Amino acid sequence: MKGEGARGQGFRAAERLVDLANAVRADPALSRDALAALLAHHGERPEDLTEPAFSQDDADDLRGAAARLATILAEPDPDRAAHAINALLAAYGARPRLSRHDGHAWHLHIDRGDEASWAEWLLASSALALAQILSEYGRVPWGECAAARCRTLYLGTGPGSARRYCSTACASRERVAVHRRRKRAAG
């Protein structure tokens, strides 16, 4: 069943979304097998990720959905992000329902059930996750790395101030570059 989440880790739709979006941005032709491995890493059952349950057409549609969601993850304006999320919820969401299956705790589903395609499932579950995060934080706590040559998407829902970089490596590299530019300008 789509939407399991990794056992013992809880439901982490936003982390799954960021990983899928970054993978598709890095390789727009990401293979069906690579997508299946990424979904399995995020707790999807291996038997749900084999042909015909997860076909080449499903992979093609899932890549398109991940690319579409990546545009929301790169959107810094909370109003535009909210409108885009609302559009996804209107197009792909269904009446919310609580689900408990395969040993998982109760969790919320808003997809159209087992008849939903992989792409519809990803769009609905990701829109729900992003809506919950945006409403909880009151701002966009995700984004595209601010480092000059990095386009990696990140989710900044941890403690502390708002993130601007995908990693400490990018943040450090950017600080060093700014320091060197100031030094040259002063020098």
N, C-alpha and C. Protein backbone atom coordinates (compact mmCIF):
# COMPACT_ATOMS: atom_id res chain seq x y z
N MET A 1 0.85 -1.18 0.00
CA MET A 1 0.00 0.00 0.00
C MET A 1 0.89 1.23 0.00
N LYS A 2 0.60 2.14 -0.91
CA LYS A 2 1.36 3.38 -0.99
C LYS A 2 1.14 4.19 0.29
N GLY A 3 2.21 4.87 0.73
CA GLY A 3 2.07 5.79 1.85
C GLY A 3 2.40 5.21 3.19
N GLU A 4 3.13 4.10 3.21
CA GLU A 4 3.42 3.44 4.47
C GLU A 4 4.31 4.28 5.38
N GLY A 5 5.39 4.80 4.86
CA GLY A 5 6.40 5.40 5.72
C GLY A 5 7.23 4.30 6.34
N ALA A 6 8.44 4.57 6.69
CA ALA A 6 9.33 3.54 7.24
C ALA A 6 8.86 3.12 8.62
N ARG A 7 8.87 1.83 8.87
CA ARG A 7 8.48 1.29 10.16
C ARG A 7 9.34 1.88 11.26
N GLY A 8 8.69 2.32 12.33
CA GLY A 8 9.42 2.87 13.47
C GLY A 8 9.84 4.32 13.30
N GLN A 9 9.70 4.86 12.11
CA GLN A 9 10.13 6.25 11.91
C GLN A 9 8.96 7.21 11.83
N GLY A 10 7.77 6.71 11.81
CA GLY A 10 6.62 7.59 11.64
C GLY A 10 6.47 7.97 10.18
N PHE A 11 5.50 8.79 9.91
CA PHE A 11 5.20 9.19 8.54
C PHE A 11 5.99 10.44 8.22
N ARG A 12 6.86 10.36 7.25
CA ARG A 12 7.73 11.47 6.90
C ARG A 12 7.59 11.84 5.43
N ALA A 13 6.41 12.26 5.09
CA ALA A 13 6.11 12.57 3.69
C ALA A 13 6.97 13.72 3.17
N ALA A 14 7.26 14.70 4.00
CA ALA A 14 8.04 15.85 3.54
C ALA A 14 9.47 15.46 3.23
N GLU A 15 10.07 14.62 4.07
CA GLU A 15 11.43 14.17 3.80
C GLU A 15 11.48 13.33 2.53
N ARG A 16 10.48 12.48 2.35
CA ARG A 16 10.40 11.67 1.13
C ARG A 16 10.29 12.59 -0.09
N LEU A 17 9.44 13.61 0.02
CA LEU A 17 9.26 14.55 -1.07
C LEU A 17 10.57 15.25 -1.43
N VAL A 18 11.28 15.75 -0.44
CA VAL A 18 12.53 16.46 -0.71
C VAL A 18 13.54 15.54 -1.38
N ASP A 19 13.64 14.30 -0.90
CA ASP A 19 14.57 13.35 -1.51
C ASP A 19 14.18 13.05 -2.96
N LEU A 20 12.89 12.82 -3.20
CA LEU A 20 12.43 12.54 -4.57
C LEU A 20 12.64 13.75 -5.48
N ALA A 21 12.29 14.93 -4.99
CA ALA A 21 12.44 16.14 -5.81
C ALA A 21 13.91 16.40 -6.14
N ASN A 22 14.80 16.23 -5.17
CA ASN A 22 16.22 16.43 -5.44
C ASN A 22 16.75 15.39 -6.42
N ALA A 23 16.32 14.15 -6.28
CA ALA A 23 16.77 13.09 -7.18
C ALA A 23 16.32 13.36 -8.61
N VAL A 24 15.09 13.80 -8.79
CA VAL A 24 14.57 14.08 -10.12
C VAL A 24 15.19 15.34 -10.70
N ARG A 25 15.47 16.33 -9.86
CA ARG A 25 16.16 17.53 -10.35
C ARG A 25 17.57 17.18 -10.81
N ALA A 26 18.23 16.29 -10.07
CA ALA A 26 19.60 15.90 -10.43
C ALA A 26 19.62 15.05 -11.69
N ASP A 27 18.58 14.22 -11.88
CA ASP A 27 18.50 13.35 -13.04
C ASP A 27 17.05 13.26 -13.49
N PRO A 28 16.63 14.15 -14.42
CA PRO A 28 15.24 14.14 -14.87
C PRO A 28 14.78 12.82 -15.49
N ALA A 29 15.73 11.99 -15.91
CA ALA A 29 15.39 10.68 -16.49
C ALA A 29 15.67 9.56 -15.49
N LEU A 30 15.60 9.86 -14.22
CA LEU A 30 15.88 8.87 -13.18
C LEU A 30 15.11 7.59 -13.46
N SER A 31 15.80 6.47 -13.39
CA SER A 31 15.20 5.20 -13.79
C SER A 31 14.10 4.75 -12.84
N ARG A 32 13.27 3.87 -13.34
CA ARG A 32 12.21 3.28 -12.53
C ARG A 32 12.82 2.57 -11.33
N ASP A 33 13.91 1.85 -11.55
CA ASP A 33 14.56 1.12 -10.46
C ASP A 33 15.11 2.07 -9.39
N ALA A 34 15.68 3.19 -9.82
CA ALA A 34 16.21 4.17 -8.86
C ALA A 34 15.07 4.81 -8.06
N LEU A 35 13.96 5.10 -8.73
CA LEU A 35 12.80 5.64 -8.02
C LEU A 35 12.26 4.62 -7.03
N ALA A 36 12.19 3.36 -7.45
CA ALA A 36 11.70 2.30 -6.56
C ALA A 36 12.62 2.17 -5.34
N ALA A 37 13.93 2.24 -5.55
CA ALA A 37 14.87 2.14 -4.44
C ALA A 37 14.69 3.31 -3.47
N LEU A 38 14.47 4.50 -4.00
CA LEU A 38 14.26 5.67 -3.16
C LEU A 38 12.96 5.54 -2.37
N LEU A 39 11.92 5.07 -3.01
CA LEU A 39 10.65 4.85 -2.31
C LEU A 39 10.80 3.77 -1.24
N ALA A 40 11.54 2.72 -1.55
CA ALA A 40 11.78 1.65 -0.56
C ALA A 40 12.57 2.20 0.63
N HIS A 41 13.52 3.07 0.36
CA HIS A 41 14.29 3.71 1.43
C HIS A 41 13.37 4.48 2.38
N HIS A 42 12.29 5.01 1.83
CA HIS A 42 11.32 5.77 2.63
C HIS A 42 10.17 4.90 3.12
N GLY A 43 10.35 3.58 3.08
CA GLY A 43 9.42 2.69 3.75
C GLY A 43 8.35 2.04 2.91
N GLU A 44 8.34 2.30 1.61
CA GLU A 44 7.36 1.62 0.77
C GLU A 44 7.72 0.14 0.67
N ARG A 45 6.72 -0.69 0.61
CA ARG A 45 6.93 -2.14 0.59
C ARG A 45 7.53 -2.57 -0.75
N PRO A 46 8.57 -3.38 -0.71
CA PRO A 46 9.20 -3.85 -1.96
C PRO A 46 8.22 -4.49 -2.94
N GLU A 47 7.24 -5.23 -2.43
CA GLU A 47 6.29 -5.89 -3.33
C GLU A 47 5.40 -4.87 -4.06
N ASP A 48 5.27 -3.67 -3.52
CA ASP A 48 4.50 -2.62 -4.19
C ASP A 48 5.32 -1.89 -5.24
N LEU A 49 6.63 -2.16 -5.28
CA LEU A 49 7.54 -1.41 -6.15
C LEU A 49 8.05 -2.24 -7.31
N THR A 50 7.42 -3.38 -7.57
CA THR A 50 7.80 -4.22 -8.70
C THR A 50 6.75 -4.10 -9.79
N GLU A 51 7.13 -4.50 -11.01
CA GLU A 51 6.16 -4.52 -12.11
C GLU A 51 5.09 -5.56 -11.79
N PRO A 52 3.87 -5.41 -12.06
CA PRO A 52 3.22 -4.28 -12.71
C PRO A 52 2.72 -3.22 -11.73
N ALA A 53 2.88 -3.45 -10.41
CA ALA A 53 2.36 -2.49 -9.42
C ALA A 53 3.01 -1.12 -9.56
N PHE A 54 4.29 -1.10 -9.95
CA PHE A 54 5.01 0.15 -10.16
C PHE A 54 5.68 0.03 -11.53
N SER A 55 4.96 0.48 -12.54
CA SER A 55 5.38 0.31 -13.94
C SER A 55 6.28 1.47 -14.40
N GLN A 56 6.78 1.33 -15.61
CA GLN A 56 7.55 2.41 -16.22
C GLN A 56 6.68 3.66 -16.38
N ASP A 57 5.42 3.47 -16.75
CA ASP A 57 4.50 4.62 -16.87
C ASP A 57 4.30 5.29 -15.50
N ASP A 58 4.18 4.47 -14.44
CA ASP A 58 4.07 5.02 -13.09
C ASP A 58 5.31 5.84 -12.75
N ALA A 59 6.48 5.32 -13.10
CA ALA A 59 7.73 6.04 -12.83
C ALA A 59 7.78 7.36 -13.60
N ASP A 60 7.36 7.33 -14.86
CA ASP A 60 7.33 8.57 -15.66
C ASP A 60 6.43 9.61 -15.01
N ASP A 61 5.23 9.18 -14.61
CA ASP A 61 4.29 10.10 -13.96
C ASP A 61 4.81 10.59 -12.62
N LEU A 62 5.47 9.70 -11.87
CA LEU A 62 6.01 10.07 -10.56
C LEU A 62 7.12 11.11 -10.71
N ARG A 63 7.97 10.95 -11.73
CA ARG A 63 9.01 11.95 -11.98
C ARG A 63 8.38 13.31 -12.28
N GLY A 64 7.32 13.33 -13.07
CA GLY A 64 6.62 14.58 -13.37
C GLY A 64 6.02 15.21 -12.12
N ALA A 65 5.44 14.37 -11.27
CA ALA A 65 4.86 14.88 -10.02
C ALA A 65 5.96 15.45 -9.11
N ALA A 66 7.08 14.75 -9.02
CA ALA A 66 8.19 15.23 -8.17
C ALA A 66 8.72 16.56 -8.71
N ALA A 67 8.83 16.69 -10.01
CA ALA A 67 9.29 17.96 -10.59
C ALA A 67 8.30 19.08 -10.30
N ARG A 68 7.02 18.78 -10.37
CA ARG A 68 5.99 19.79 -10.07
C ARG A 68 6.08 20.22 -8.61
N LEU A 69 6.27 19.26 -7.72
CA LEU A 69 6.39 19.57 -6.30
C LEU A 69 7.67 20.33 -5.99
N ALA A 70 8.72 20.09 -6.77
CA ALA A 70 9.99 20.80 -6.57
C ALA A 70 9.80 22.30 -6.74
N THR A 71 8.88 22.70 -7.62
CA THR A 71 8.65 24.14 -7.80
C THR A 71 8.06 24.76 -6.53
N ILE A 72 7.26 23.98 -5.81
CA ILE A 72 6.71 24.49 -4.54
C ILE A 72 7.82 24.56 -3.50
N LEU A 73 8.68 23.55 -3.48
CA LEU A 73 9.79 23.55 -2.52
C LEU A 73 10.79 24.67 -2.78
N ALA A 74 10.83 25.16 -3.99
CA ALA A 74 11.73 26.28 -4.32
C ALA A 74 11.05 27.64 -4.16
N GLU A 75 9.78 27.65 -3.81
CA GLU A 75 9.01 28.89 -3.68
C GLU A 75 9.21 29.50 -2.30
N PRO A 76 9.83 30.68 -2.21
CA PRO A 76 10.06 31.29 -0.90
C PRO A 76 8.86 32.06 -0.33
N ASP A 77 7.93 32.44 -1.19
CA ASP A 77 6.80 33.25 -0.74
C ASP A 77 5.70 32.36 -0.16
N PRO A 78 5.33 32.56 1.11
CA PRO A 78 4.33 31.70 1.72
C PRO A 78 2.95 31.77 1.06
N ASP A 79 2.56 32.95 0.56
CA ASP A 79 1.26 33.07 -0.10
C ASP A 79 1.22 32.28 -1.40
N ARG A 80 2.28 32.42 -2.21
CA ARG A 80 2.31 31.67 -3.48
C ARG A 80 2.42 30.17 -3.20
N ALA A 81 3.20 29.79 -2.18
CA ALA A 81 3.31 28.37 -1.82
C ALA A 81 1.95 27.84 -1.37
N ALA A 82 1.25 28.60 -0.55
CA ALA A 82 -0.06 28.17 -0.06
C ALA A 82 -1.05 28.00 -1.21
N HIS A 83 -1.05 28.92 -2.16
CA HIS A 83 -1.96 28.80 -3.31
C HIS A 83 -1.63 27.56 -4.14
N ALA A 84 -0.34 27.30 -4.33
CA ALA A 84 0.06 26.11 -5.09
C ALA A 84 -0.32 24.82 -4.36
N ILE A 85 -0.15 24.81 -3.05
CA ILE A 85 -0.54 23.64 -2.24
C ILE A 85 -2.05 23.46 -2.29
N ASN A 86 -2.79 24.54 -2.16
CA ASN A 86 -4.26 24.45 -2.23
C ASN A 86 -4.71 23.90 -3.59
N ALA A 87 -4.03 24.31 -4.65
CA ALA A 87 -4.39 23.80 -5.98
C ALA A 87 -4.16 22.29 -6.06
N LEU A 88 -3.07 21.81 -5.47
CA LEU A 88 -2.82 20.37 -5.45
C LEU A 88 -3.85 19.63 -4.61
N LEU A 89 -4.18 20.20 -3.45
CA LEU A 89 -5.18 19.56 -2.60
C LEU A 89 -6.54 19.49 -3.31
N ALA A 90 -6.89 20.54 -4.04
CA ALA A 90 -8.16 20.54 -4.77
C ALA A 90 -8.14 19.53 -5.90
N ALA A 91 -7.01 19.39 -6.56
CA ALA A 91 -6.94 18.49 -7.72
C ALA A 91 -6.75 17.03 -7.33
N TYR A 92 -6.01 16.76 -6.25
CA TYR A 92 -5.61 15.38 -5.97
C TYR A 92 -6.07 14.86 -4.62
N GLY A 93 -6.53 15.73 -3.77
CA GLY A 93 -6.95 15.30 -2.45
C GLY A 93 -8.33 14.67 -2.47
N ALA A 94 -8.60 13.95 -1.43
CA ALA A 94 -9.91 13.34 -1.24
C ALA A 94 -10.29 13.58 0.22
N ARG A 95 -11.44 13.12 0.59
CA ARG A 95 -11.87 13.28 1.98
C ARG A 95 -10.82 12.63 2.89
N PRO A 96 -10.34 13.34 3.90
CA PRO A 96 -9.34 12.77 4.79
C PRO A 96 -9.87 11.54 5.52
N ARG A 97 -8.98 10.60 5.73
CA ARG A 97 -9.35 9.42 6.50
C ARG A 97 -8.15 8.94 7.29
N LEU A 98 -8.40 8.39 8.45
CA LEU A 98 -7.34 7.79 9.24
C LEU A 98 -7.14 6.36 8.76
N SER A 99 -5.88 5.97 8.68
CA SER A 99 -5.56 4.63 8.20
C SER A 99 -4.54 4.00 9.13
N ARG A 100 -4.70 2.70 9.37
CA ARG A 100 -3.71 1.94 10.14
C ARG A 100 -3.60 0.59 9.45
N HIS A 101 -2.39 0.30 8.99
CA HIS A 101 -2.19 -0.93 8.24
C HIS A 101 -0.75 -1.39 8.38
N ASP A 102 -0.55 -2.66 8.18
CA ASP A 102 0.79 -3.26 8.17
C ASP A 102 1.63 -2.90 9.39
N GLY A 103 1.00 -2.81 10.55
CA GLY A 103 1.75 -2.55 11.77
C GLY A 103 2.07 -1.09 12.03
N HIS A 104 1.60 -0.20 11.20
CA HIS A 104 1.87 1.23 11.38
C HIS A 104 0.82 1.84 12.30
N ALA A 105 1.19 2.93 12.94
CA ALA A 105 0.25 3.67 13.79
C ALA A 105 -0.79 4.35 12.91
N TRP A 106 -1.85 4.83 13.53
CA TRP A 106 -2.86 5.59 12.80
C TRP A 106 -2.20 6.81 12.17
N HIS A 107 -2.54 7.07 10.94
CA HIS A 107 -2.02 8.24 10.24
C HIS A 107 -3.07 8.69 9.22
N LEU A 108 -2.90 9.93 8.78
CA LEU A 108 -3.88 10.55 7.90
C LEU A 108 -3.56 10.27 6.44
N HIS A 109 -4.56 9.90 5.67
CA HIS A 109 -4.46 9.74 4.22
C HIS A 109 -5.46 10.70 3.58
N ILE A 110 -5.06 11.31 2.46
CA ILE A 110 -6.02 12.13 1.72
C ILE A 110 -6.02 11.77 0.25
N ASP A 111 -5.30 10.71 -0.11
CA ASP A 111 -5.32 10.30 -1.52
C ASP A 111 -6.63 9.57 -1.81
N ARG A 112 -6.79 9.18 -3.02
CA ARG A 112 -8.05 8.55 -3.43
C ARG A 112 -8.05 7.05 -3.21
N GLY A 113 -7.21 6.57 -2.31
CA GLY A 113 -7.20 5.15 -1.97
C GLY A 113 -6.33 4.35 -2.91
N ASP A 114 -6.52 3.05 -2.88
CA ASP A 114 -5.67 2.15 -3.65
C ASP A 114 -5.79 2.35 -5.15
N GLU A 115 -6.87 2.98 -5.61
CA GLU A 115 -7.01 3.22 -7.04
C GLU A 115 -6.23 4.44 -7.52
N ALA A 116 -5.68 5.22 -6.61
CA ALA A 116 -4.89 6.40 -6.98
C ALA A 116 -3.57 5.95 -7.62
N SER A 117 -3.14 6.69 -8.61
CA SER A 117 -1.85 6.39 -9.23
C SER A 117 -0.72 6.81 -8.28
N TRP A 118 0.47 6.37 -8.58
CA TRP A 118 1.62 6.76 -7.77
C TRP A 118 1.78 8.27 -7.78
N ALA A 119 1.61 8.90 -8.93
CA ALA A 119 1.76 10.36 -9.02
C ALA A 119 0.68 11.07 -8.21
N GLU A 120 -0.57 10.61 -8.31
CA GLU A 120 -1.65 11.21 -7.53
C GLU A 120 -1.39 11.05 -6.04
N TRP A 121 -0.94 9.87 -5.65
CA TRP A 121 -0.60 9.62 -4.25
C TRP A 121 0.48 10.58 -3.77
N LEU A 122 1.56 10.73 -4.57
CA LEU A 122 2.65 11.62 -4.17
C LEU A 122 2.16 13.06 -4.08
N LEU A 123 1.40 13.51 -5.05
CA LEU A 123 0.91 14.89 -5.04
C LEU A 123 -0.01 15.14 -3.85
N ALA A 124 -0.92 14.22 -3.57
CA ALA A 124 -1.85 14.40 -2.44
C ALA A 124 -1.13 14.35 -1.10
N SER A 125 -0.31 13.33 -0.89
CA SER A 125 0.35 13.18 0.41
C SER A 125 1.38 14.29 0.64
N SER A 126 2.05 14.71 -0.41
CA SER A 126 3.04 15.79 -0.27
C SER A 126 2.35 17.13 -0.01
N ALA A 127 1.24 17.37 -0.70
CA ALA A 127 0.49 18.62 -0.47
C ALA A 127 0.01 18.67 0.98
N LEU A 128 -0.48 17.55 1.49
CA LEU A 128 -0.92 17.50 2.89
C LEU A 128 0.25 17.80 3.83
N ALA A 129 1.39 17.17 3.59
CA ALA A 129 2.55 17.38 4.45
C ALA A 129 3.00 18.84 4.41
N LEU A 130 3.09 19.41 3.21
CA LEU A 130 3.52 20.80 3.10
C LEU A 130 2.50 21.75 3.73
N ALA A 131 1.22 21.45 3.59
CA ALA A 131 0.18 22.28 4.21
C ALA A 131 0.31 22.24 5.74
N GLN A 132 0.55 21.06 6.28
CA GLN A 132 0.71 20.95 7.73
C GLN A 132 1.93 21.73 8.21
N ILE A 133 3.02 21.62 7.48
CA ILE A 133 4.25 22.31 7.86
C ILE A 133 4.08 23.83 7.75
N LEU A 134 3.50 24.30 6.64
CA LEU A 134 3.30 25.74 6.45
C LEU A 134 2.39 26.31 7.53
N SER A 135 1.33 25.58 7.86
CA SER A 135 0.42 26.09 8.89
C SER A 135 1.06 26.04 10.28
N GLU A 136 1.90 25.06 10.52
CA GLU A 136 2.57 24.97 11.82
C GLU A 136 3.60 26.08 12.01
N TYR A 137 4.38 26.35 10.97
CA TYR A 137 5.46 27.34 11.09
C TYR A 137 5.02 28.75 10.75
N GLY A 138 3.95 28.89 9.97
CA GLY A 138 3.49 30.22 9.58
C GLY A 138 4.41 30.90 8.58
N ARG A 139 5.33 30.14 8.04
CA ARG A 139 6.28 30.61 7.04
C ARG A 139 6.70 29.40 6.22
N VAL A 140 7.46 29.64 5.19
CA VAL A 140 7.97 28.56 4.35
C VAL A 140 9.30 28.08 4.95
N PRO A 141 9.31 26.92 5.61
CA PRO A 141 10.56 26.42 6.20
C PRO A 141 11.31 25.45 5.28
N TRP A 142 11.06 25.54 4.00
CA TRP A 142 11.77 24.75 3.02
C TRP A 142 12.32 25.70 1.99
N GLY A 143 13.15 25.22 1.11
CA GLY A 143 13.66 26.10 0.07
C GLY A 143 14.75 25.48 -0.75
N GLU A 144 15.31 26.34 -1.60
CA GLU A 144 16.43 25.97 -2.44
C GLU A 144 17.68 26.60 -1.83
N CYS A 145 18.74 25.83 -1.76
CA CYS A 145 19.98 26.28 -1.14
C CYS A 145 20.40 27.64 -1.70
N ALA A 146 20.81 28.55 -0.82
CA ALA A 146 21.22 29.90 -1.22
C ALA A 146 22.67 29.96 -1.68
N ALA A 147 23.40 28.85 -1.62
CA ALA A 147 24.79 28.84 -2.09
C ALA A 147 24.80 29.07 -3.60
N ALA A 148 25.84 29.75 -4.06
CA ALA A 148 25.90 30.21 -5.45
C ALA A 148 25.71 29.11 -6.49
N ARG A 149 26.33 27.98 -6.32
CA ARG A 149 26.24 26.95 -7.35
C ARG A 149 25.49 25.69 -6.89
N CYS A 150 24.58 25.86 -5.97
CA CYS A 150 23.83 24.71 -5.46
C CYS A 150 22.34 24.94 -5.66
N ARG A 151 21.65 23.93 -6.13
CA ARG A 151 20.19 24.02 -6.33
C ARG A 151 19.47 23.00 -5.46
N THR A 152 20.15 22.44 -4.48
CA THR A 152 19.56 21.40 -3.65
C THR A 152 18.42 21.97 -2.81
N LEU A 153 17.32 21.23 -2.79
CA LEU A 153 16.17 21.60 -1.97
C LEU A 153 16.38 21.06 -0.57
N TYR A 154 15.86 21.77 0.42
CA TYR A 154 16.00 21.34 1.80
C TYR A 154 14.70 21.57 2.55
N LEU A 155 14.59 20.91 3.68
CA LEU A 155 13.47 21.08 4.59
C LEU A 155 14.05 21.56 5.90
N GLY A 156 13.72 22.76 6.32
CA GLY A 156 14.29 23.36 7.52
C GLY A 156 13.30 23.40 8.66
N THR A 157 12.89 22.24 9.14
CA THR A 157 11.90 22.20 10.22
C THR A 157 12.53 21.93 11.57
N GLY A 158 13.84 21.99 11.66
CA GLY A 158 14.50 21.77 12.94
C GLY A 158 14.49 23.02 13.79
N PRO A 159 15.09 22.91 14.96
CA PRO A 159 15.15 24.08 15.85
C PRO A 159 16.11 25.14 15.31
N GLY A 160 15.99 26.32 15.83
CA GLY A 160 16.89 27.40 15.43
C GLY A 160 16.25 28.32 14.41
N SER A 161 17.08 29.19 13.89
CA SER A 161 16.59 30.18 12.93
C SER A 161 16.33 29.51 11.58
N ALA A 162 15.68 30.26 10.71
CA ALA A 162 15.33 29.74 9.39
C ALA A 162 16.60 29.38 8.62
N ARG A 163 16.54 28.27 7.91
CA ARG A 163 17.68 27.82 7.10
C ARG A 163 17.72 28.55 5.78
N ARG A 164 18.92 28.64 5.23
CA ARG A 164 19.12 29.19 3.90
C ARG A 164 19.93 28.25 3.02
N TYR A 165 20.55 27.26 3.65
CA TYR A 165 21.44 26.36 2.93
C TYR A 165 21.02 24.92 3.15
N CYS A 166 21.37 24.07 2.19
CA CYS A 166 20.98 22.67 2.28
C CYS A 166 21.85 21.90 3.26
N SER A 167 23.04 22.41 3.55
CA SER A 167 23.97 21.69 4.42
C SER A 167 24.93 22.67 5.08
N THR A 168 25.61 22.19 6.09
CA THR A 168 26.64 23.03 6.72
C THR A 168 27.80 23.25 5.77
N ALA A 169 28.06 22.30 4.88
CA ALA A 169 29.15 22.46 3.90
C ALA A 169 28.85 23.64 2.98
N CYS A 170 27.63 23.73 2.47
CA CYS A 170 27.27 24.86 1.60
C CYS A 170 27.30 26.18 2.37
N ALA A 171 26.81 26.18 3.59
CA ALA A 171 26.81 27.40 4.41
C ALA A 171 28.25 27.86 4.66
N SER A 172 29.13 26.94 5.00
CA SER A 172 30.54 27.30 5.26
C SER A 172 31.21 27.80 3.99
N ARG A 173 30.99 27.11 2.88
CA ARG A 173 31.59 27.51 1.61
C ARG A 173 31.14 28.92 1.23
N GLU A 174 29.88 29.22 1.45
CA GLU A 174 29.36 30.54 1.11
C GLU A 174 29.94 31.62 2.04
N ARG A 175 30.06 31.31 3.34
CA ARG A 175 30.66 32.28 4.28
C ARG A 175 32.11 32.57 3.91
N VAL A 176 32.86 31.54 3.54
CA VAL A 176 34.25 31.73 3.14
C VAL A 176 34.33 32.58 1.88
N ALA A 177 33.45 32.32 0.91
CA ALA A 177 33.45 33.10 -0.33
C ALA A 177 33.13 34.57 -0.05
N VAL A 178 32.18 34.83 0.82
CA VAL A 178 31.82 36.22 1.17
C VAL A 178 33.01 36.88 1.87
N HIS A 179 33.64 36.17 2.78
CA HIS A 179 34.80 36.70 3.50
C HIS A 179 35.92 37.05 2.51
N ARG A 180 36.19 36.18 1.55
CA ARG A 180 37.25 36.43 0.58
C ARG A 180 36.92 37.62 -0.32
N ARG A 181 35.64 37.75 -0.71
CA ARG A 181 35.25 38.91 -1.53
C ARG A 181 35.44 40.21 -0.77
N ARG A 182 35.07 40.23 0.50
CA ARG A 182 35.25 41.44 1.33
C ARG A 182 36.73 41.77 1.48
N LYS A 183 37.52 40.77 1.69
CA LYS A 183 38.96 40.95 1.86
C LYS A 183 39.59 41.53 0.59
N ARG A 184 39.17 41.00 -0.58
CA ARG A 184 39.69 41.52 -1.86
C ARG A 184 39.23 42.96 -2.08
N ALA A 185 37.98 43.25 -1.74
CA ALA A 185 37.43 44.59 -1.93
C ALA A 185 38.12 45.61 -1.02
N ALA A 186 38.49 45.18 0.17
CA ALA A 186 39.13 46.07 1.13
C ALA A 186 40.62 46.24 0.83
N GLY A 187 41.17 45.24 0.13
CA GLY A 187 42.56 45.13 -0.01
C GLY A 187 43.38 45.79 -0.94
